[in-house]
Amino acid sequence: MIRISGAAKQLSQLADDLLASGYVDLYLFLSIVFLILFTRLLGIPEAFSIALFSTTSMPAMYSFMYYYRKPAIGFFVKPKNHRIIEIRVAYKSLAAILTSFVTGFIVFAALSGSTDIIVYTLAFLVTSIMRIVLYLLLPVLARHVDVESPVIAMLTSLAIALTALAFLIAAIHIL
């Protein structure tokens, strides 16, 4: 059994609060706008910019968040086998990721006229990594600075976008 310290529980609760309030989505959207700007300046094909935008489109975000907004069914008696709960959570997460991917790809195909799955998959991976980094970073940042400040939002989003750009350039060189 994994024991979580009090500080880790507080950070986890703060992360959930920031996610619920929309700050993670705001920072992610700003980061993607910066990343699109950088990719345009570097001459990366426009299809990638459209793919990045498609991963954060309203239909893709709705299908992703739908699974996390539904109230979980609680247990009156704690089950002895926690594995069942873990499997349900895994299926729920997998369903959220797959529906978000498919919905975003449909938006990408509609906006760009392209069905280049590799370009969209790379954009989806970059966006997913950025979302995870922001989910982990914002609670720590919120303990020290005002995350509602537009200056903090812009600087943090810029840093995330530059990090994603470095990841993207490395991925392009590998491919």
C-alpha atoms as a PDB file:
ATOM      1  CA  MET A   1       0.000   0.000   0.000  1.00  0.00           C
ATOM      2  CA  ILE A   2       1.314   3.436  -0.922  1.00  0.00           C
ATOM      3  CA  ARG A   3       1.170   6.065   1.799  1.00  0.00           C
ATOM      4  CA  ILE A   4       0.848   9.643   0.686  1.00  0.00           C
ATOM      5  CA  SER A   5       2.301  12.383   2.857  1.00  0.00           C
ATOM      6  CA  GLY A   6       0.248  15.389   3.950  1.00  0.00           C
ATOM      7  CA  ALA A   7       2.092  17.744   1.584  1.00  0.00           C
ATOM      8  CA  ALA A   8       1.502  15.417  -1.362  1.00  0.00           C
ATOM      9  CA  LYS A   9      -2.208  15.219  -0.506  1.00  0.00           C
ATOM     10  CA  GLN A  10      -2.392  19.029  -0.379  1.00  0.00           C
ATOM     11  CA  LEU A  11      -0.659  19.327  -3.753  1.00  0.00           C
ATOM     12  CA  SER A  12      -2.969  16.707  -5.218  1.00  0.00           C
ATOM     13  CA  GLN A  13      -6.041  18.555  -3.930  1.00  0.00           C
ATOM     14  CA  LEU A  14      -4.667  21.868  -5.228  1.00  0.00           C
ATOM     15  CA  ALA A  15      -4.033  20.279  -8.638  1.00  0.00           C
ATOM     16  CA  ASP A  16      -7.613  19.006  -8.754  1.00  0.00           C
ATOM     17  CA  ASP A  17      -8.917  22.458  -7.780  1.00  0.00           C
ATOM     18  CA  LEU A  18      -6.811  24.135 -10.476  1.00  0.00           C
ATOM     19  CA  LEU A  19      -8.021  21.612 -13.045  1.00  0.00           C
ATOM     20  CA  ALA A  20     -11.640  22.170 -12.043  1.00  0.00           C
ATOM     21  CA  SER A  21     -11.253  25.956 -12.186  1.00  0.00           C
ATOM     22  CA  GLY A  22      -9.908  25.809 -15.735  1.00  0.00           C
ATOM     23  CA  TYR A  23      -6.415  27.162 -15.083  1.00  0.00           C
ATOM     24  CA  VAL A  24      -4.740  24.080 -16.547  1.00  0.00           C
ATOM     25  CA  ASP A  25      -6.774  24.502 -19.745  1.00  0.00           C
ATOM     26  CA  LEU A  26      -6.017  28.231 -19.889  1.00  0.00           C
ATOM     27  CA  TYR A  27      -2.282  27.689 -19.472  1.00  0.00           C
ATOM     28  CA  LEU A  28      -2.384  24.829 -21.992  1.00  0.00           C
ATOM     29  CA  PHE A  29      -4.186  26.973 -24.562  1.00  0.00           C
ATOM     30  CA  LEU A  30      -1.695  29.836 -24.097  1.00  0.00           C
ATOM     31  CA  SER A  31       1.206  27.386 -24.385  1.00  0.00           C
ATOM     32  CA  ILE A  32      -0.203  25.997 -27.619  1.00  0.00           C
ATOM     33  CA  VAL A  33      -0.672  29.495 -29.042  1.00  0.00           C
ATOM     34  CA  PHE A  34       3.004  30.216 -28.307  1.00  0.00           C
ATOM     35  CA  LEU A  35       4.025  26.857 -29.763  1.00  0.00           C
ATOM     36  CA  ILE A  36       2.022  27.523 -32.943  1.00  0.00           C
ATOM     37  CA  LEU A  37       3.774  30.891 -33.254  1.00  0.00           C
ATOM     38  CA  PHE A  38       7.198  29.253 -32.871  1.00  0.00           C
ATOM     39  CA  THR A  39       6.403  26.492 -35.367  1.00  0.00           C
ATOM     40  CA  ARG A  40       5.267  29.092 -37.897  1.00  0.00           C
ATOM     41  CA  LEU A  41       8.470  31.084 -37.394  1.00  0.00           C
ATOM     42  CA  LEU A  42      10.556  27.936 -37.905  1.00  0.00           C
ATOM     43  CA  GLY A  43       8.714  26.980 -41.079  1.00  0.00           C
ATOM     44  CA  ILE A  44       7.149  23.783 -39.773  1.00  0.00           C
ATOM     45  CA  PRO A  45       4.213  22.883 -42.080  1.00  0.00           C
ATOM     46  CA  GLU A  46       0.874  24.498 -41.314  1.00  0.00           C
ATOM     47  CA  ALA A  47      -0.793  21.104 -40.888  1.00  0.00           C
ATOM     48  CA  PHE A  48       1.053  20.701 -37.589  1.00  0.00           C
ATOM     49  CA  SER A  49      -0.289  24.035 -36.312  1.00  0.00           C
ATOM     50  CA  ILE A  50      -3.814  22.969 -37.230  1.00  0.00           C
ATOM     51  CA  ALA A  51      -3.222  19.625 -35.505  1.00  0.00           C
ATOM     52  CA  LEU A  52      -2.068  21.399 -32.333  1.00  0.00           C
ATOM     53  CA  PHE A  53      -5.155  23.576 -32.355  1.00  0.00           C
ATOM     54  CA  SER A  54      -7.380  20.548 -32.987  1.00  0.00           C
ATOM     55  CA  THR A  55      -6.114  18.785 -29.858  1.00  0.00           C
ATOM     56  CA  THR A  56      -7.502  21.625 -27.738  1.00  0.00           C
ATOM     57  CA  SER A  57     -10.653  22.229 -29.759  1.00  0.00           C
ATOM     58  CA  MET A  58     -13.927  22.298 -27.881  1.00  0.00           C
ATOM     59  CA  PRO A  59     -15.110  18.871 -29.152  1.00  0.00           C
ATOM     60  CA  ALA A  60     -11.817  17.192 -28.209  1.00  0.00           C
ATOM     61  CA  MET A  61     -11.728  18.835 -24.772  1.00  0.00           C
ATOM     62  CA  TYR A  62     -15.379  17.988 -24.137  1.00  0.00           C
ATOM     63  CA  SER A  63     -14.867  14.325 -24.929  1.00  0.00           C
ATOM     64  CA  PHE A  64     -11.770  14.248 -22.692  1.00  0.00           C
ATOM     65  CA  MET A  65     -13.371  16.042 -19.743  1.00  0.00           C
ATOM     66  CA  TYR A  66     -16.708  14.209 -20.003  1.00  0.00           C
ATOM     67  CA  TYR A  67     -15.266  11.142 -18.333  1.00  0.00           C
ATOM     68  CA  TYR A  68     -13.824  13.157 -15.459  1.00  0.00           C
ATOM     69  CA  ARG A  69     -16.892  15.286 -14.767  1.00  0.00           C
ATOM     70  CA  LYS A  70     -19.219  12.346 -14.265  1.00  0.00           C
ATOM     71  CA  PRO A  71     -19.640  11.615 -10.570  1.00  0.00           C
ATOM     72  CA  ALA A  72     -18.011   8.394  -9.500  1.00  0.00           C
ATOM     73  CA  ILE A  73     -20.215   5.732  -7.970  1.00  0.00           C
ATOM     74  CA  GLY A  74     -19.204   5.271  -4.364  1.00  0.00           C
ATOM     75  CA  PHE A  75     -19.171   2.169  -2.228  1.00  0.00           C
ATOM     76  CA  PHE A  76     -20.980   1.894   1.078  1.00  0.00           C
ATOM     77  CA  VAL A  77     -18.763  -1.007   2.040  1.00  0.00           C
ATOM     78  CA  LYS A  78     -15.156  -0.888   1.017  1.00  0.00           C
ATOM     79  CA  PRO A  79     -14.510  -3.783  -1.364  1.00  0.00           C
ATOM     80  CA  LYS A  80     -11.748  -6.200  -0.507  1.00  0.00           C
ATOM     81  CA  ASN A  81     -10.481  -6.281  -4.063  1.00  0.00           C
ATOM     82  CA  HIS A  82      -9.172  -2.820  -4.981  1.00  0.00           C
ATOM     83  CA  ARG A  83      -8.067  -4.199  -8.337  1.00  0.00           C
ATOM     84  CA  ILE A  84     -11.626  -3.876  -9.690  1.00  0.00           C
ATOM     85  CA  ILE A  85     -11.611  -0.150  -8.946  1.00  0.00           C
ATOM     86  CA  GLU A  86      -8.164   0.252 -10.519  1.00  0.00           C
ATOM     87  CA  ILE A  87      -9.344  -1.502 -13.693  1.00  0.00           C
ATOM     88  CA  ARG A  88     -12.414   0.766 -13.885  1.00  0.00           C
ATOM     89  CA  VAL A  89     -10.225   3.861 -13.534  1.00  0.00           C
ATOM     90  CA  ALA A  90      -7.851   2.548 -16.214  1.00  0.00           C
ATOM     91  CA  TYR A  91     -10.737   1.923 -18.638  1.00  0.00           C
ATOM     92  CA  LYS A  92     -12.167   5.360 -17.892  1.00  0.00           C
ATOM     93  CA  SER A  93      -8.806   7.023 -18.594  1.00  0.00           C
ATOM     94  CA  LEU A  94      -8.278   4.989 -21.756  1.00  0.00           C
ATOM     95  CA  ALA A  95     -11.771   5.882 -22.983  1.00  0.00           C
ATOM     96  CA  ALA A  96     -11.127   9.576 -22.313  1.00  0.00           C
ATOM     97  CA  ILE A  97      -7.838   9.546 -24.210  1.00  0.00           C
ATOM     98  CA  LEU A  98      -9.181   7.569 -27.168  1.00  0.00           C
ATOM     99  CA  THR A  99     -12.343   9.634 -27.602  1.00  0.00           C
ATOM    100  CA  SER A 100     -10.360  12.850 -27.293  1.00  0.00           C
ATOM    101  CA  PHE A 101      -7.870  11.579 -29.893  1.00  0.00           C
ATOM    102  CA  VAL A 102     -10.563  10.516 -32.360  1.00  0.00           C
ATOM    103  CA  THR A 103     -12.641  13.668 -31.894  1.00  0.00           C
ATOM    104  CA  GLY A 104      -9.580  15.881 -32.274  1.00  0.00           C
ATOM    105  CA  PHE A 105      -8.529  13.972 -35.392  1.00  0.00           C
ATOM    106  CA  ILE A 106     -11.959  14.567 -36.922  1.00  0.00           C
ATOM    107  CA  VAL A 107     -11.586  18.304 -36.219  1.00  0.00           C
ATOM    108  CA  PHE A 108      -8.060  18.199 -37.694  1.00  0.00           C
ATOM    109  CA  ALA A 109      -9.253  16.458 -40.862  1.00  0.00           C
ATOM    110  CA  ALA A 110     -12.148  18.894 -41.245  1.00  0.00           C
ATOM    111  CA  LEU A 111      -9.990  22.007 -40.765  1.00  0.00           C
ATOM    112  CA  SER A 112      -6.913  20.973 -42.727  1.00  0.00           C
ATOM    113  CA  GLY A 113      -8.317  18.647 -45.364  1.00  0.00           C
ATOM    114  CA  SER A 114      -5.505  16.269 -44.423  1.00  0.00           C
ATOM    115  CA  THR A 115      -5.708  12.845 -42.831  1.00  0.00           C
ATOM    116  CA  ASP A 116      -2.023  12.640 -41.927  1.00  0.00           C
ATOM    117  CA  ILE A 117      -2.273  10.539 -38.778  1.00  0.00           C
ATOM    118  CA  ILE A 118       1.445  10.898 -37.982  1.00  0.00           C
ATOM    119  CA  VAL A 119       1.276  14.705 -37.846  1.00  0.00           C
ATOM    120  CA  TYR A 120      -1.840  14.601 -35.679  1.00  0.00           C
ATOM    121  CA  THR A 121      -0.428  11.908 -33.383  1.00  0.00           C
ATOM    122  CA  LEU A 122       2.748  13.936 -32.819  1.00  0.00           C
ATOM    123  CA  ALA A 123       0.660  17.022 -32.024  1.00  0.00           C
ATOM    124  CA  PHE A 124      -1.540  14.969 -29.688  1.00  0.00           C
ATOM    125  CA  LEU A 125       1.512  13.593 -27.851  1.00  0.00           C
ATOM    126  CA  VAL A 126       3.063  17.056 -27.503  1.00  0.00           C
ATOM    127  CA  THR A 127      -0.212  18.461 -26.177  1.00  0.00           C
ATOM    128  CA  SER A 128      -0.697  15.542 -23.776  1.00  0.00           C
ATOM    129  CA  ILE A 129       2.804  15.959 -22.363  1.00  0.00           C
ATOM    130  CA  MET A 130       2.211  19.695 -21.966  1.00  0.00           C
ATOM    131  CA  ARG A 131      -1.063  18.980 -20.128  1.00  0.00           C
ATOM    132  CA  ILE A 132       0.667  16.562 -17.729  1.00  0.00           C
ATOM    133  CA  VAL A 133       3.520  19.003 -17.066  1.00  0.00           C
ATOM    134  CA  LEU A 134       1.046  21.808 -16.363  1.00  0.00           C
ATOM    135  CA  TYR A 135      -1.028  19.567 -14.101  1.00  0.00           C
ATOM    136  CA  LEU A 136       2.099  18.815 -12.066  1.00  0.00           C
ATOM    137  CA  LEU A 137       3.638  22.306 -12.243  1.00  0.00           C
ATOM    138  CA  LEU A 138       0.686  24.574 -11.462  1.00  0.00           C
ATOM    139  CA  PRO A 139       0.017  23.334  -7.906  1.00  0.00           C
ATOM    140  CA  VAL A 140       3.663  23.888  -6.991  1.00  0.00           C
ATOM    141  CA  LEU A 141       3.597  27.288  -8.681  1.00  0.00           C
ATOM    142  CA  ALA A 142       0.339  28.209  -6.905  1.00  0.00           C
ATOM    143  CA  ARG A 143       2.008  27.736  -3.520  1.00  0.00           C
ATOM    144  CA  HIS A 144       4.505  30.492  -4.310  1.00  0.00           C
ATOM    145  CA  VAL A 145       2.941  32.911  -6.812  1.00  0.00           C
ATOM    146  CA  ASP A 146      -0.476  34.101  -7.937  1.00  0.00           C
ATOM    147  CA  VAL A 147      -1.391  31.769 -10.813  1.00  0.00           C
ATOM    148  CA  GLU A 148      -4.282  34.068 -11.735  1.00  0.00           C
ATOM    149  CA  SER A 149      -1.836  36.827 -12.716  1.00  0.00           C
ATOM    150  CA  PRO A 150      -1.715  37.334 -16.506  1.00  0.00           C
ATOM    151  CA  VAL A 151       2.059  37.889 -16.341  1.00  0.00           C
ATOM    152  CA  ILE A 152       2.603  34.572 -14.553  1.00  0.00           C
ATOM    153  CA  ALA A 153       0.268  32.839 -17.018  1.00  0.00           C
ATOM    154  CA  MET A 154       2.129  34.263 -20.023  1.00  0.00           C
ATOM    155  CA  LEU A 155       5.620  33.508 -18.677  1.00  0.00           C
ATOM    156  CA  THR A 156       4.724  29.986 -17.578  1.00  0.00           C
ATOM    157  CA  SER A 157       2.993  29.261 -20.885  1.00  0.00           C
ATOM    158  CA  LEU A 158       5.995  30.617 -22.779  1.00  0.00           C
ATOM    159  CA  ALA A 159       8.341  28.350 -20.814  1.00  0.00           C
ATOM    160  CA  ILE A 160       6.126  25.311 -21.441  1.00  0.00           C
ATOM    161  CA  ALA A 161       5.914  26.157 -25.161  1.00  0.00           C
ATOM    162  CA  LEU A 162       9.705  26.484 -25.454  1.00  0.00           C
ATOM    163  CA  THR A 163      10.143  23.148 -23.703  1.00  0.00           C
ATOM    164  CA  ALA A 164       7.596  21.548 -26.038  1.00  0.00           C
ATOM    165  CA  LEU A 165       9.376  23.098 -29.020  1.00  0.00           C
ATOM    166  CA  ALA A 166      12.650  21.504 -27.907  1.00  0.00           C
ATOM    167  CA  PHE A 167      10.847  18.146 -27.590  1.00  0.00           C
ATOM    168  CA  LEU A 168       9.291  18.635 -31.018  1.00  0.00           C
ATOM    169  CA  ILE A 169      12.603  19.476 -32.691  1.00  0.00           C
ATOM    170  CA  ALA A 170      14.189  16.405 -31.096  1.00  0.00           C
ATOM    171  CA  ALA A 171      11.279  14.232 -32.288  1.00  0.00           C
ATOM    172  CA  ILE A 172      11.560  15.589 -35.833  1.00  0.00           C
ATOM    173  CA  HIS A 173      15.282  14.804 -35.916  1.00  0.00           C
ATOM    174  CA  ILE A 174      14.626  11.274 -34.684  1.00  0.00           C
ATOM    175  CA  LEU A 175      11.928  10.668 -37.302  1.00  0.00           C
END
